[in-house]
Protein backbone atom coordinates (compact mmCIF):
# COMPACT_ATOMS: atom_id res chain seq x y z
CA MET A 1 14.72 -45.24 8.82
CA SER A 2 17.75 -43.42 10.21
CA LEU A 3 17.25 -40.66 7.65
CA LEU A 4 13.61 -40.21 8.72
CA LEU A 5 14.61 -40.14 12.38
CA GLU A 6 17.24 -37.50 11.66
CA THR A 7 14.81 -35.40 9.62
CA TYR A 8 12.11 -35.49 12.32
CA GLY A 9 14.70 -34.46 14.92
CA ARG A 10 15.94 -31.58 12.78
CA HIS A 11 12.37 -30.24 12.62
CA GLY A 12 11.87 -30.44 16.38
CA VAL A 13 9.72 -33.57 16.46
CA GLU A 14 10.37 -36.20 19.12
CA VAL A 15 10.16 -39.71 17.65
CA GLU A 16 10.95 -43.26 18.69
CA GLN A 17 11.68 -46.08 16.26
CA LEU A 18 9.48 -49.16 16.43
CA PRO A 19 11.47 -51.82 14.52
CA PRO A 20 11.53 -52.71 11.80
CA THR A 21 9.77 -49.83 9.96
CA GLY A 22 7.49 -48.18 12.52
CA MET A 23 7.72 -44.94 14.49
CA ARG A 24 6.04 -43.49 17.56
CA ILE A 25 5.67 -39.72 17.09
CA GLN A 26 5.04 -37.49 20.13
CA ILE A 27 2.12 -35.10 19.48
CA PRO A 28 1.95 -32.14 21.93
CA GLY A 29 -1.12 -32.36 24.16
CA ASN A 30 -2.26 -35.59 22.53
CA ASP A 31 -1.54 -39.30 22.54
CA PRO A 32 1.50 -40.40 20.52
CA LEU A 33 0.93 -41.27 16.88
CA GLU A 34 2.21 -44.64 15.72
CA THR A 35 2.79 -45.07 12.01
CA ASP A 36 4.52 -47.55 9.74
CA TYR A 37 6.73 -46.50 6.85
CA ALA A 38 7.14 -49.92 5.22
CA ASP A 39 5.35 -48.87 2.02
CA ALA A 40 7.26 -45.60 1.75
CA ILE A 41 10.58 -47.37 2.24
CA GLU A 42 9.68 -49.95 -0.37
CA GLN A 43 8.78 -47.25 -2.91
CA ALA A 44 12.04 -45.43 -2.18
CA ARG A 45 14.12 -48.46 -3.12
CA GLY A 46 13.55 -47.71 -6.80
CA LEU A 47 14.90 -44.16 -6.51
CA PRO A 48 18.51 -42.97 -6.72
CA ALA A 49 20.10 -42.64 -3.26
CA GLU A 50 20.67 -38.92 -3.73
CA GLN A 51 16.89 -38.39 -3.71
CA TYR A 52 16.41 -40.00 -0.29
CA PRO A 53 16.97 -36.80 1.76
CA GLU A 54 14.39 -34.88 -0.28
CA LEU A 55 11.89 -37.71 0.04
CA ALA A 56 12.40 -37.90 3.80
CA GLU A 57 11.92 -34.13 4.01
CA GLN A 58 8.64 -34.34 2.11
CA VAL A 59 7.32 -37.15 4.32
CA VAL A 60 8.16 -35.35 7.56
CA LEU A 61 6.86 -31.93 6.47
CA ALA A 62 3.62 -33.44 5.21
CA LEU A 63 2.87 -34.87 8.66
CA ILE A 64 3.85 -31.64 10.46
CA ARG A 65 1.66 -29.65 8.09
CA GLN A 66 -1.32 -31.94 8.62
CA VAL A 67 -1.04 -31.76 12.40
CA ARG A 68 -0.51 -27.98 12.51
CA GLU A 69 -3.57 -27.46 10.33
CA GLN A 70 -5.51 -29.07 13.18
CA GLY A 71 -4.18 -26.44 15.61
CA VAL A 72 -1.50 -28.65 17.25
CA PRO A 73 2.00 -27.06 17.42
CA LEU A 74 4.05 -30.02 16.18
CA GLY A 75 7.60 -29.27 15.11
CA THR A 76 9.23 -25.87 14.75
CA HIS A 77 6.74 -24.24 12.35
CA TYR A 78 4.03 -24.73 9.72
CA PRO A 79 5.62 -25.77 6.40
CA PRO A 80 3.69 -24.56 3.32
CA ARG A 81 3.20 -26.97 0.44
CA PRO A 82 5.68 -26.60 -2.43
CA ASP A 83 2.88 -25.37 -4.70
CA ASP A 84 1.53 -22.93 -2.08
CA HIS A 85 2.98 -19.93 -3.92
CA GLY A 86 1.33 -17.31 -1.70
CA ARG A 87 3.02 -18.46 1.50
CA GLN A 88 6.25 -19.53 -0.18
CA VAL A 89 6.74 -16.15 -1.88
CA LEU A 90 6.05 -14.19 1.31
CA VAL A 91 8.57 -16.22 3.27
CA ARG A 92 11.16 -15.88 0.50
CA VAL A 93 10.73 -12.09 0.19
CA LEU A 94 11.08 -11.59 3.93
CA GLN A 95 14.15 -13.78 3.99
CA GLU A 96 15.66 -11.76 1.16
CA LEU A 97 15.09 -8.66 3.28
CA GLY A 98 17.03 -10.26 6.13
CA TYR A 99 14.15 -11.69 8.19
CA SER A 100 14.11 -15.40 9.01
CA ALA A 101 10.36 -15.72 8.46
CA ARG A 102 8.22 -18.79 9.03
CA PHE A 103 4.54 -19.63 9.34
CA GLU A 104 3.50 -20.69 12.84
CA ASP A 105 0.11 -21.92 11.58
CA PRO A 106 -1.67 -21.61 8.24
CA GLN A 107 -2.66 -17.97 8.90
CA THR A 108 0.14 -16.57 11.07
CA ILE A 109 3.66 -15.63 10.06
CA SER A 110 6.45 -14.76 12.47
CA VAL A 111 9.83 -13.06 12.17
CA PRO A 112 12.61 -12.77 14.77
CA LEU A 113 12.86 -9.77 17.05
CA ARG A 114 15.62 -8.92 19.48
CA ASP A 115 16.96 -11.52 21.96
CA GLY A 116 15.58 -14.44 19.96
CA GLU A 117 11.95 -13.36 20.44
CA ARG A 118 9.57 -13.67 17.49
CA GLY A 119 6.81 -11.31 16.45
CA ALA A 120 3.67 -12.81 14.84
CA MET A 121 1.17 -11.30 12.45
CA ASP A 122 -2.12 -12.61 11.02
CA MET A 123 -1.85 -12.77 7.22
CA SER A 124 -5.49 -13.64 6.44
CA ASP A 125 -6.01 -10.56 4.23
CA TYR A 126 -2.99 -11.39 2.11
CA LEU A 127 -3.77 -15.10 1.91
CA SER A 128 -7.32 -14.42 0.75
CA ARG A 129 -5.81 -12.60 -2.24
CA VAL A 130 -3.38 -15.35 -3.18
CA GLU A 131 -5.42 -18.48 -2.48
CA GLY A 132 -4.61 -20.84 -5.36
CA ALA A 133 -2.58 -18.14 -7.12
CA ASP A 134 0.22 -18.93 -9.52
CA LEU A 135 3.77 -17.75 -8.86
CA ASP A 136 3.49 -14.55 -10.90
CA THR A 137 0.23 -13.45 -9.19
CA ALA A 138 1.63 -14.14 -5.74
CA SER A 139 4.77 -12.14 -6.56
CA GLU A 140 2.65 -9.17 -7.66
CA GLU A 141 0.63 -9.17 -4.43
CA VAL A 142 3.35 -9.81 -1.86
CA THR A 143 5.35 -6.57 -1.57
CA PRO A 144 2.97 -4.33 0.45
CA PHE A 145 2.18 -7.18 2.82
CA ALA A 146 5.84 -8.01 3.38
CA GLU A 147 6.48 -4.34 4.13
CA ALA A 148 3.58 -4.30 6.59
CA VAL A 149 5.04 -7.29 8.43
CA ILE A 150 8.40 -5.58 8.78
CA LYS A 151 6.86 -2.30 9.92
CA ARG A 152 4.62 -3.91 12.49
CA VAL A 153 7.15 -6.21 14.07
CA SER A 154 9.64 -3.35 14.30
CA GLU A 155 7.06 -1.41 16.29
CA VAL A 156 6.38 -4.43 18.49
CA ALA A 157 10.08 -4.68 19.21
CA ASP A 158 10.00 -1.23 20.78
CA ILE A 159 7.25 -1.94 23.30
CA SER A 160 9.60 -1.92 26.29
CA GLN A 161 10.45 1.69 25.42
CA ALA A 162 6.85 2.64 24.56
CA SER A 163 5.12 5.31 26.58
CA SER A 164 2.28 4.12 28.81
CA GLU A 165 0.18 6.75 27.02
CA GLN A 166 0.26 4.51 23.93
CA LEU A 167 -1.47 1.64 25.71
CA ARG A 168 -5.07 0.88 24.75
CA VAL A 169 -7.60 -1.93 25.07
CA ARG A 170 -9.29 -3.25 21.98
CA LEU A 171 -12.04 -5.81 21.56
CA TYR A 172 -11.76 -8.69 19.08
CA PRO A 173 -13.91 -11.72 18.32
CA GLU A 174 -12.01 -14.55 19.96
CA SER A 175 -13.04 -16.90 17.14
CA GLY A 176 -11.20 -14.58 14.73
CA PHE A 177 -7.79 -15.57 16.11
CA PRO A 178 -5.96 -18.64 14.79
CA ASP A 179 -5.92 -21.50 17.28
CA GLY A 180 -3.64 -20.76 20.22
CA VAL A 181 -2.90 -17.14 19.28
CA ALA A 182 -5.25 -15.50 21.83
CA GLU A 183 -3.47 -17.35 24.63
CA THR A 184 -0.19 -15.64 23.70
CA LEU A 185 -1.66 -12.13 23.94
CA LEU A 186 -2.04 -9.94 26.99
CA GLY A 187 -5.81 -10.09 27.07
CA ARG A 188 -8.86 -11.43 28.85
CA GLN A 189 -12.25 -12.96 28.10
CA ALA A 190 -14.80 -10.15 28.06
CA GLY A 191 -17.86 -12.22 27.16
CA ALA A 192 -18.97 -14.99 24.83
CA ASP A 193 -16.55 -14.84 21.85
CA LEU A 194 -15.21 -11.47 23.09
CA PHE A 195 -11.51 -11.00 23.81
CA GLU A 196 -10.17 -7.70 25.14
CA THR A 197 -6.48 -7.25 24.38
CA VAL A 198 -3.98 -4.67 25.49
CA ALA A 199 -2.66 -2.96 22.36
CA LEU A 200 0.05 -0.51 21.45
CA ASP A 201 -1.36 2.49 19.59
CA THR A 202 1.04 4.02 17.08
CA THR A 203 0.63 6.52 14.28
CA ASP A 204 -0.89 4.10 11.81
CA THR A 205 -1.17 0.69 13.47
CA VAL A 206 -2.77 -1.02 16.44
CA GLN A 207 -0.57 -3.88 17.63
CA PRO A 208 -1.79 -6.37 20.24
CA VAL A 209 0.77 -6.90 23.00
CA THR A 210 1.95 -10.45 23.69
CA ARG A 211 2.38 -11.72 27.23
CA GLN A 212 6.06 -12.37 26.60
CA GLN A 213 6.63 -8.81 25.40
CA HIS A 214 4.75 -7.45 28.39
CA GLU A 215 6.81 -9.46 30.85
CA GLU A 216 9.92 -7.77 29.54
CA THR A 217 8.56 -4.33 30.49
CA GLY A 218 8.51 -5.18 34.20
CA ARG A 219 5.00 -3.74 34.57
CA SER A 220 2.30 -5.60 36.44
CA GLU A 221 -0.75 -6.69 34.45
CA GLU A 222 -3.00 -4.73 36.80
CA GLU A 223 -1.07 -1.52 36.18
CA THR A 224 -1.05 -2.08 32.42
CA TYR A 225 -4.79 -2.80 32.26
CA ARG A 226 -5.49 0.28 34.38
CA GLU A 227 -3.46 2.54 32.08
CA ALA A 228 -4.76 0.95 28.89
CA VAL A 229 -8.41 1.22 29.91
CA ALA A 230 -8.01 4.80 31.15
CA ASN A 231 -6.33 5.85 27.89
CA SER A 232 -9.02 4.16 25.81
CA VAL A 233 -11.89 5.65 27.82
CA ALA A 234 -10.30 9.08 27.37
CA GLU A 235 -10.47 8.78 23.57
CA PRO A 236 -13.18 11.12 22.19
CA VAL A 237 -16.63 9.67 21.55
CA GLU A 238 -19.96 11.13 20.54
CA VAL A 239 -23.09 9.97 22.35
CA SER A 240 -26.44 10.38 20.62
CA HIS A 241 -30.00 9.20 21.35
CA HIS A 242 -32.34 7.81 18.69
CA ASP A 243 -35.98 6.77 18.65
CA PHE A 244 -36.82 3.43 17.03
CA GLY A 245 -40.21 1.84 17.48
CA GLY A 246 -41.04 4.43 20.13
CA MET A 247 -38.03 3.34 22.23
CA ASN A 248 -34.79 5.11 23.06
CA PHE A 249 -31.51 3.69 21.70
CA VAL A 250 -28.08 5.11 22.39
CA HIS A 251 -25.27 5.29 19.82
CA ILE A 252 -21.73 5.75 21.13
CA GLY A 253 -19.30 6.32 18.28
CA GLY A 254 -15.77 7.44 17.65
CA GLU A 255 -13.16 7.68 14.88
CA HIS A 256 -10.91 5.10 16.54
CA PRO A 257 -11.11 1.35 17.29
CA TYR A 258 -11.38 1.67 21.08
CA VAL A 259 -15.03 2.67 21.51
CA SER A 260 -15.89 -0.64 23.21
CA ALA A 261 -13.83 0.57 26.18
CA GLN A 262 -16.79 2.82 27.03
CA LEU A 263 -18.47 -0.30 28.43
CA HIS A 264 -16.08 0.05 31.37
CA VAL A 265 -17.74 3.41 32.17
CA LEU A 266 -21.16 2.95 30.62
CA SER A 267 -22.91 4.33 33.69
CA LYS A 268 -21.29 7.72 32.93
CA HIS A 269 -23.26 7.83 29.70
CA LEU A 270 -26.42 6.13 31.02
CA GLU A 271 -27.09 7.22 34.56
CA HIS A 272 -30.20 5.24 35.60
CA THR A 273 -29.64 1.53 34.84
CA PRO A 274 -31.12 -0.55 37.70
CA HIS A 275 -31.99 -3.40 35.33
CA GLY A 276 -28.87 -3.19 33.23
CA VAL A 277 -28.45 -2.41 29.54
CA LEU A 278 -28.72 -4.31 26.28
CA VAL A 279 -25.55 -3.59 24.30
CA ALA A 280 -24.23 -4.48 20.87
CA LEU A 281 -20.60 -4.19 19.75
CA PRO A 282 -20.75 -4.74 16.00
CA VAL A 283 -17.63 -2.84 14.93
CA PRO A 284 -14.69 -1.30 16.82
CA GLN A 285 -15.98 2.25 16.30
CA VAL A 286 -19.53 1.75 17.65
CA VAL A 287 -21.43 0.71 20.77
CA LEU A 288 -25.25 0.44 20.59
CA ALA A 289 -27.27 0.41 23.79
CA HIS A 290 -30.80 0.27 25.15
CA VAL A 291 -31.56 0.79 28.84
CA LEU A 292 -33.90 -1.88 30.19
CA GLY A 293 -36.86 -0.74 32.27
CA GLU A 294 -37.32 2.69 30.72
CA GLU A 295 -40.93 3.84 30.52
CA SER A 296 -41.16 3.33 26.75
CA SER A 297 -39.11 0.15 26.69
CA HIS A 298 -40.36 -3.21 25.49
CA PRO A 299 -37.45 -5.61 26.16
CA VAL A 300 -38.31 -8.21 23.55
CA ALA A 301 -38.79 -5.68 20.76
CA ALA A 302 -35.66 -3.80 21.87
CA LEU A 303 -33.57 -6.96 21.80
CA GLU A 304 -34.78 -7.85 18.32
CA LEU A 305 -34.11 -4.32 17.05
CA LEU A 306 -30.57 -4.33 18.49
CA GLN A 307 -29.89 -7.68 16.86
CA ASN A 308 -31.01 -6.33 13.49
CA MET A 309 -28.95 -3.14 13.87
CA ALA A 310 -25.86 -5.05 14.88
CA GLY A 311 -26.30 -7.43 11.96
CA ARG A 312 -26.36 -4.58 9.47
CA PHE A 313 -23.23 -3.00 10.97
CA VAL A 314 -21.42 -6.34 10.77
CA GLU A 315 -22.43 -6.85 7.14
CA GLU A 316 -21.33 -3.39 6.05
CA GLY A 317 -18.41 -2.61 8.39
CA GLU A 318 -14.71 -3.34 8.13
CA ARG A 319 -13.18 -5.75 10.64
CA PRO A 320 -16.49 -6.38 12.49
CA ILE A 321 -16.55 -7.74 16.02
CA THR A 322 -19.89 -9.51 16.44
CA SER A 323 -23.62 -9.25 15.80
CA GLN A 324 -24.25 -10.81 19.23
CA VAL A 325 -26.18 -8.72 21.78
CA TYR A 326 -25.16 -8.75 25.44
CA TRP A 327 -26.80 -7.88 28.72
CA TRP A 328 -24.59 -5.41 30.56
CA HIS A 329 -25.37 -6.60 34.07
CA PRO A 330 -26.26 -3.84 36.57
CA SER A 331 -23.50 -5.03 38.91
CA SER A 332 -21.05 -3.60 36.36
CA ARG A 333 -21.81 -0.14 37.80
CA GLU A 334 -19.97 -1.03 41.02
CA ARG A 335 -16.82 -2.34 39.34
CA ALA A 336 -13.53 -0.50 39.09
CA GLU A 337 -12.94 1.20 35.78
CA SER A 338 -10.16 -1.22 34.79
CA ASP A 339 -12.24 -4.30 35.63
CA LEU A 340 -14.23 -5.99 32.92
CA PRO A 341 -17.96 -5.31 32.87
CA ASP A 342 -20.25 -8.31 33.27
CA LEU A 343 -21.49 -9.09 29.74
CA ARG A 344 -23.92 -11.96 29.19
CA ALA A 345 -24.89 -13.12 25.70
CA VAL A 346 -28.63 -12.99 24.93
CA ARG A 347 -30.65 -13.59 21.77
CA ILE A 348 -34.32 -13.57 20.82
CA GLU A 349 -36.05 -15.26 17.90
CA ILE A 350 -39.56 -14.16 17.05
CA ASP A 351 -41.96 -16.31 15.03
CA GLN A 352 -44.38 -13.83 13.50
CA GLU A 353 -46.73 -16.52 12.20
CA GLN A 354 -47.02 -18.26 15.58
CA GLY A 355 -46.87 -15.01 17.54
CA SER A 356 -44.19 -16.46 19.81
CA ALA A 357 -40.74 -15.49 20.99
CA SER A 358 -37.84 -17.77 21.99
CA LEU A 359 -35.10 -16.52 24.28
CA PHE A 360 -31.63 -18.00 23.92
CA THR A 361 -29.23 -17.45 26.80
CA ASP A 362 -27.30 -19.46 29.36
CA ASP A 363 -28.24 -16.89 32.00
CA ASP A 364 -31.31 -17.70 34.09
CA GLU A 365 -31.20 -14.28 35.75
CA PHE A 366 -31.82 -12.48 32.47
CA GLY A 367 -34.78 -14.72 31.65
CA GLU A 368 -36.34 -13.91 35.02
CA LEU A 369 -35.69 -10.19 34.53
CA LEU A 370 -37.22 -10.24 31.06
CA GLN A 371 -40.37 -11.90 32.39
CA SER A 372 -40.65 -9.41 35.27
CA LEU A 373 -40.31 -6.45 32.89
CA LEU A 374 -42.98 -7.91 30.62
CA ASP A 375 -45.31 -8.42 33.58
CA SER A 376 -44.82 -4.95 35.01
């Protein structure tokens, strides 16, 4: 039991012994877990004493791994299984290059930066290539991803010296982040499953800024958001109008991942919007829009068309954001450029056989507007 207690403590887990063979394990944000190791201790009696430390290590890491897979930050890090060659090889390669790497959760690896800080990076692309891979396959795949980790975290380390002209805002699907990661970033909820982060734009990467890194710059969040939004809005975009179903749709596109920032200044592109705008944000390079209340507009048909367009973009695009359509509320016109626009999720389902339409939204105001536009 003393060996288990020592091993839990070494991995940053607070435990209390419950004699003779039980333990109470403190789980962050949850009730303590009480478990009994009588069976494990009995099985260990038949093993040579020199194997006890390894067995204790396996028992402790198995519990930490199980809890971290549920999104709870127990212990110091997420320990990959011994046969998880993809994660094990990546950690080993980074360590050989001088970086004390570790997985924070099943998808996120971190390496130390200056002053004890750690920089994190989502490794989903790499892990999708090495899921279930043998050691040789994982070793063949790992090098470019390890190099990308080193390059990105070195750029993150320089944020305090970065020019304010490099600041941008970028939109991500909040559900795309591993549990707890979005909370560590300098960002804000922009709508249902939409998370706008401040990012550092470099020659070939876009790196979200963490709150801890931002605090070290001494800048206020308001100042940073103002600069990041202004820089993003200033990025070149092309605005074009298209006729679908006899209705006008607007396509705002650019060769950069910051086009969604145009929602902060949408009224500059669409002047007359007393009823607001239906918008879709399927990929970082595109915003689709339809102004409600235009002479040729039919709101139900327009909403269905936008949903279909957004769905195709998401299916075919790289790193999509969402196929969800939002109502850009008309009050957004009066907001400061750096403030978030008011985006409310809306969806329509049409039953062609029954000739009926079902609106799905938590916003009563949009339902009332839709009915008034249909009646007018």
